[in-house]
Protein backbone atom coordinates (compact mmCIF):
# COMPACT_ATOMS: atom_id res chain seq x y z
CA MET A 1 0.08 -0.21 0.09
CA SER A 2 1.09 3.18 -0.56
CA GLY A 3 1.77 5.68 2.23
CA ALA A 4 4.19 8.43 3.46
CA LEU A 5 6.74 7.83 0.92
CA ASP A 6 4.19 9.31 -1.96
CA VAL A 7 4.55 12.24 -0.21
CA TYR A 8 7.99 13.15 0.17
CA ARG A 9 8.16 11.42 -3.77
CA ASP A 10 5.48 14.11 -4.58
CA LEU A 11 7.08 16.78 -2.86
CA ARG A 12 10.77 15.88 -4.72
CA THR A 13 9.10 15.87 -7.63
CA TRP A 14 7.36 19.13 -7.47
CA TRP A 15 10.57 20.47 -6.23
CA LEU A 16 13.05 19.26 -9.05
CA ARG A 17 10.42 20.71 -11.37
CA ARG A 18 11.83 24.25 -9.82
CA GLY A 19 15.55 23.09 -10.25
CA VAL A 20 16.28 21.86 -6.49
CA ASP A 21 17.16 18.75 -5.30
CA TYR A 22 16.91 18.79 -1.75
CA TRP A 23 15.34 15.06 -0.78
CA THR A 24 16.80 11.97 -2.04
CA GLU A 25 14.83 9.28 -3.52
CA ASP A 26 14.48 8.00 -0.11
CA PRO A 27 14.30 10.33 2.22
CA THR A 28 15.72 8.01 4.83
CA ASP A 29 19.16 7.66 2.90
CA ARG A 30 21.94 9.35 4.60
CA THR A 31 24.53 8.11 2.46
CA GLY A 32 27.45 10.12 2.57
CA ASP A 33 29.98 12.34 5.36
CA GLY A 34 28.58 15.50 6.74
CA TRP A 35 25.20 14.63 8.14
CA ILE A 36 23.91 16.59 11.31
CA ARG A 37 20.36 15.97 13.14
CA VAL A 38 18.92 19.19 13.26
CA ASP A 39 18.30 19.19 17.10
CA ARG A 40 22.39 18.54 17.70
CA LEU A 41 23.47 21.42 14.99
CA GLY A 42 24.86 23.49 17.98
CA ASP A 43 26.37 20.29 19.94
CA ASP A 44 29.76 21.25 18.55
CA ARG A 45 30.25 24.57 18.60
CA ALA A 46 33.90 24.27 16.49
CA GLN A 47 31.95 22.33 14.01
CA LEU A 48 29.00 25.10 13.24
CA ASP A 49 31.94 27.92 13.65
CA ALA A 50 33.45 25.94 10.92
CA ILE A 51 29.83 25.90 8.53
CA VAL A 52 29.09 29.42 9.17
CA ALA A 53 32.69 30.35 8.33
CA GLU A 54 32.56 27.94 5.33
CA TYR A 55 29.03 29.18 3.67
CA ALA A 56 30.52 32.61 4.65
CA ALA A 57 33.52 32.17 2.32
CA HIS A 58 30.87 30.47 -0.12
CA LEU A 59 29.23 33.62 -0.40
CA GLY A 60 31.92 35.58 -0.01
CA VAL A 61 30.76 37.86 2.91
CA SER A 62 33.22 38.50 6.02
CA ASP A 63 30.11 39.17 8.37
CA ARG A 64 29.80 36.55 10.57
CA LYS A 65 26.39 37.17 11.86
CA ALA A 66 25.35 38.05 7.58
CA ALA A 67 26.89 34.33 7.23
CA ALA A 68 24.79 33.08 10.24
CA SER A 69 21.49 34.70 8.98
CA LEU A 70 21.63 33.73 5.47
CA LEU A 71 22.62 29.84 6.40
CA ALA A 72 19.46 30.15 8.80
CA LYS A 73 17.01 31.56 5.67
CA ARG A 74 18.63 28.40 3.38
CA LEU A 75 17.58 25.97 5.94
CA SER A 76 14.29 27.49 6.27
CA ALA A 77 13.57 26.91 2.75
CA MET A 78 14.85 23.18 3.06
CA LEU A 79 13.13 22.24 6.34
CA VAL A 80 9.72 24.56 6.82
CA PHE A 81 9.58 25.25 2.63
CA PRO A 82 9.02 21.67 1.44
CA PRO A 83 6.46 20.69 4.13
CA THR A 84 4.20 23.90 3.69
CA VAL A 85 4.22 23.68 0.06
CA ALA A 86 2.84 20.02 0.28
CA TRP A 87 -0.01 21.32 2.65
CA MET A 88 -0.86 23.84 0.47
CA GLN A 89 -0.69 21.45 -2.68
CA TRP A 90 -2.12 18.37 -1.10
CA GLU A 91 -3.29 18.81 2.24
CA ARG A 92 -0.46 16.66 3.27
CA VAL A 93 1.93 17.03 5.76
CA PRO A 94 5.35 14.95 5.97
CA THR A 95 7.09 14.55 9.36
CA VAL A 96 9.71 17.17 9.63
CA VAL A 97 10.68 17.24 13.36
CA PRO A 98 14.20 17.74 15.11
CA GLU A 99 14.80 15.12 16.52
CA SER A 100 14.67 12.90 13.38
CA THR A 101 15.43 15.03 10.55
CA TRP A 102 19.03 15.31 9.23
CA LEU A 103 20.73 18.31 7.33
CA ARG A 104 23.94 17.28 5.45
CA PHE A 105 26.85 19.63 4.30
CA ASP A 106 29.30 19.42 2.06
CA ASN A 107 31.88 22.27 2.67
CA GLY A 108 29.85 24.56 4.99
CA LEU A 109 26.81 24.25 2.05
CA PRO A 110 23.44 22.19 3.52
CA LEU A 111 22.53 20.16 0.42
CA ARG A 112 20.36 17.65 1.55
CA VAL A 113 17.50 16.67 3.84
CA ALA A 114 16.52 12.97 5.26
CA VAL A 115 14.34 11.61 8.30
CA ASP A 116 14.89 8.76 10.22
CA HIS A 117 11.05 7.32 9.53
CA VAL A 118 9.24 8.18 6.64
CA HIS A 119 5.60 9.80 8.25
CA ALA A 120 2.99 11.99 6.86
CA THR A 121 -0.19 13.58 8.20
CA VAL A 122 -3.47 13.45 5.86
CA ARG A 123 -6.83 14.08 5.82
CA PRO A 124 -9.46 11.34 7.44
CA ASP A 125 -10.70 11.09 3.72
CA ASP A 126 -7.22 10.90 2.04
CA PRO A 127 -6.46 8.00 -0.28
CA LEU A 128 -3.37 7.27 2.06
CA ALA A 129 -5.23 7.59 5.18
CA ASP A 130 -5.31 3.71 5.93
CA ALA A 131 -1.69 3.63 5.38
CA ASP A 132 0.44 2.22 8.25
CA ASP A 133 2.95 5.57 8.08
CA CYS A 134 0.47 8.06 7.79
CA ASP A 135 -1.73 9.76 11.06
CA THR A 136 -4.82 11.94 10.23
CA LEU A 137 -6.51 15.33 11.39
CA PRO A 138 -9.54 17.06 10.34
CA ALA A 139 -8.29 19.71 7.36
CA PRO A 140 -8.64 22.33 9.58
CA GLU A 141 -6.05 21.08 12.29
CA LEU A 142 -3.35 20.46 9.41
CA GLY A 143 -1.94 23.73 9.15
CA GLU A 144 -1.79 23.87 13.30
CA HIS A 145 -0.39 20.61 13.02
CA LEU A 146 2.31 21.52 10.54
CA ALA A 147 3.21 24.91 12.51
CA ALA A 148 3.51 22.69 15.77
CA THR A 149 5.88 20.64 13.91
CA ALA A 150 8.19 22.42 11.37
CA TYR A 151 7.88 25.50 12.79
CA ASP A 152 7.46 25.50 16.66
CA GLN A 153 9.90 22.62 16.73
CA THR A 154 12.36 22.42 13.65
CA MET A 155 12.65 25.78 12.83
CA ALA A 156 12.64 27.10 16.50
CA SER A 157 15.87 24.76 17.34
CA VAL A 158 17.90 26.11 14.09
CA ILE A 159 16.96 29.87 15.23
CA ASP A 160 17.54 29.28 19.04
CA THR A 161 21.42 27.62 18.11
CA ILE A 162 21.84 30.43 15.33
CA HIS A 163 20.87 33.11 17.82
CA THR A 164 22.73 31.58 20.76
CA ARG A 165 25.97 30.79 19.09
CA PHE A 166 26.06 33.94 16.83
CA ARG A 167 23.77 36.70 18.82
CA THR A 168 21.84 36.85 15.40
CA GLY A 169 18.79 38.67 16.07
CA THR A 170 15.76 36.17 16.67
CA ARG A 171 13.30 38.88 14.97
CA HIS A 172 14.96 38.71 11.60
CA LEU A 173 15.70 34.89 12.12
CA TRP A 174 12.01 34.85 11.68
CA GLY A 175 11.43 37.01 9.45
CA ASN A 176 13.34 35.16 6.85
CA VAL A 177 10.81 32.15 8.54
CA ALA A 178 7.81 34.34 7.60
CA LEU A 179 8.79 35.03 3.89
CA THR A 180 9.37 31.23 3.39
CA ALA A 181 5.45 30.58 5.16
CA ILE A 182 4.05 33.91 2.53
CA ASN A 183 6.32 32.35 -0.65
CA SER A 184 4.62 29.15 0.16
CA ALA A 185 1.23 30.61 -0.39
CA LEU A 186 2.34 32.53 -3.32
CA TRP A 187 4.05 30.35 -5.52
CA SER A 188 1.71 26.92 -4.56
CA GLY A 189 -1.00 26.74 -7.87
CA ASP A 190 -3.20 30.06 -7.86
CA ALA A 191 -1.27 33.60 -7.05
CA ALA A 192 -4.29 34.39 -4.50
CA SER A 193 -6.25 31.57 -3.40
CA PRO A 194 -3.47 29.64 -1.83
CA TRP A 195 -3.12 32.54 0.89
CA ASP A 196 -6.43 31.82 2.42
CA ARG A 197 -4.99 28.69 4.10
CA GLY A 198 -1.51 30.26 4.03
CA ARG A 199 -3.09 33.19 6.30
CA THR A 200 -4.39 30.97 8.74
CA LEU A 201 -0.78 29.65 9.15
CA PHE A 202 0.92 33.14 9.28
CA GLU A 203 -1.53 34.79 11.54
CA SER A 204 -1.30 31.75 14.10
CA ARG A 205 1.94 32.89 15.13
CA PRO A 206 2.56 36.60 16.41
CA HIS A 207 6.45 36.07 15.76
CA LEU A 208 5.61 35.97 12.14
CA VAL A 209 3.37 38.61 11.75
CA ARG A 210 5.18 40.95 13.24
CA THR A 211 7.78 40.70 10.39
CA GLN A 212 5.79 40.80 7.30
CA ASP A 213 3.01 42.89 5.61
CA VAL A 214 1.49 41.33 2.42
CA LEU A 215 0.15 43.30 -0.26
CA ALA A 216 -2.63 43.10 -2.41
CA CYS A 217 -1.72 43.51 -5.80
CA ASP A 218 -3.67 44.12 -9.35
CA ARG A 219 -2.62 44.12 -12.96
CA ALA A 220 -3.99 43.79 -16.64
CA ASP A 221 -1.85 41.16 -17.42
CA THR A 222 -2.09 39.39 -14.38
CA GLY A 223 -5.09 39.98 -12.50
CA PRO A 224 -4.73 39.96 -8.52
CA TYR A 225 -1.45 38.79 -6.57
CA LEU A 226 0.16 39.20 -3.67
CA ALA A 227 3.40 40.35 -2.24
CA ALA A 228 5.27 40.10 0.79
CA ARG A 229 6.79 43.11 2.09
CA ARG A 230 9.63 42.75 4.96
CA LYS A 231 9.87 44.50 8.03
CA THR A 232 13.10 43.09 8.97
CA CYS A 233 16.48 42.62 6.79
CA CYS A 234 18.21 39.13 6.25
CA LEU A 235 21.49 40.54 5.65
CA ALA A 236 21.56 39.41 1.95
CA TYR A 237 23.04 43.10 1.29
CA GLU A 238 26.20 41.68 2.78
CA VAL A 239 26.62 39.32 -0.57
CA GLU A 240 28.55 41.62 -3.28
CA SER A 241 26.56 39.96 -6.28
CA HIS A 242 23.11 40.13 -4.23
CA GLY A 243 22.35 43.48 -3.01
CA TYR A 244 18.94 44.12 -1.62
CA CYS A 245 16.19 41.77 -1.47
CA ALA A 246 13.47 43.55 -3.13
CA SER A 247 11.36 42.96 0.09
CA CYS A 248 14.13 44.67 2.07
CA SER A 249 12.64 46.83 4.83
CA LEU A 250 16.03 49.03 4.43
CA LEU A 251 14.84 50.27 0.85
CA ASP A 252 13.63 53.81 0.41
CA GLU A 253 9.45 52.61 0.58
CA PRO A 254 8.24 53.79 -2.64
CA GLU A 255 11.15 52.78 -4.31
CA ARG A 256 10.91 49.08 -2.18
CA THR A 257 7.14 48.96 -3.30
CA ASP A 258 7.60 49.59 -6.79
CA THR A 259 10.24 47.23 -7.00
CA LEU A 260 8.92 44.74 -5.19
CA THR A 261 5.28 44.54 -6.65
CA THR A 262 6.93 44.54 -10.03
CA ARG A 263 9.20 41.61 -9.42
CA ILE A 264 6.44 39.89 -8.05
CA GLY A 265 3.71 40.57 -10.68
CA ASP A 266 6.44 39.76 -13.71
CA ALA A 267 7.37 36.40 -12.03
CA TRP A 268 3.41 35.45 -11.55
CA ARG A 269 3.01 36.31 -14.90
CA ASP A 270 5.79 34.08 -16.31
CA ARG A 271 4.74 31.39 -14.12
CA ILE A 272 8.21 31.53 -12.49
CA ARG A 273 8.41 29.09 -9.62
CA TRP A 274 10.93 29.28 -6.72
CA ASP A 275 14.25 27.93 -6.54
CA ASP A 276 17.44 28.65 -4.76
CA ASP A 277 18.35 31.73 -6.47
CA VAL A 278 15.30 33.45 -6.91
CA ASP A 279 14.97 35.60 -3.93
CA VAL A 280 12.06 37.68 -3.46
């Protein structure tokens, strides 16, 4: 009988279409060196320092806090974005919790996610509901379950580790996660309707709400769409080739709104989907 593995594989296929390969065909596979369990990321301070130093070198930044912030941002894209998209797309929540989720680093670059046990939570009427490796919850409760696992446990563990070791501010670290939550809605299916579900997730967590505004936009060539405007900065401007994100709180307001809404509108018009190199 098909079960939770279908959820991970569907998610892998969805991501591969966008040029990103986070999950292996077998999500329990931890072949190769460099694997660290999420809840142990901060156990070895020298190891964590080396990871951030190597990531800083990869990005070409000298500021350690900036490198730590951008590492957390990438980890948010790996740990929170996928299960949120699965919920948005299929109302299926793959289990991502810190004590059984692993990250693989290669020269400071986080490249893969794996889990100890393949498991998912789905609606009671889902075809996978009878599988041994699936739990069920009513559809309205799935979003809260996602938030309580991937956000409140897994990403909170990463943020606590980064903040404790590098004194990087928690508000802008959670701002990275909030942007992930919003972009999950913006890039899943229709530009507007998924936000009905995303808003429930987003607004249930005050530490996410206070880092973003969501703008309702409309253009003749796109119809209605949404854009996320940050109230915090992820420090990506420290990367010389990157500059300021379109949603950065450090930009002048008229410039930011114009640039952000134009870029998001163009992306939606062209049906561009998220990958690691598209930072909106």
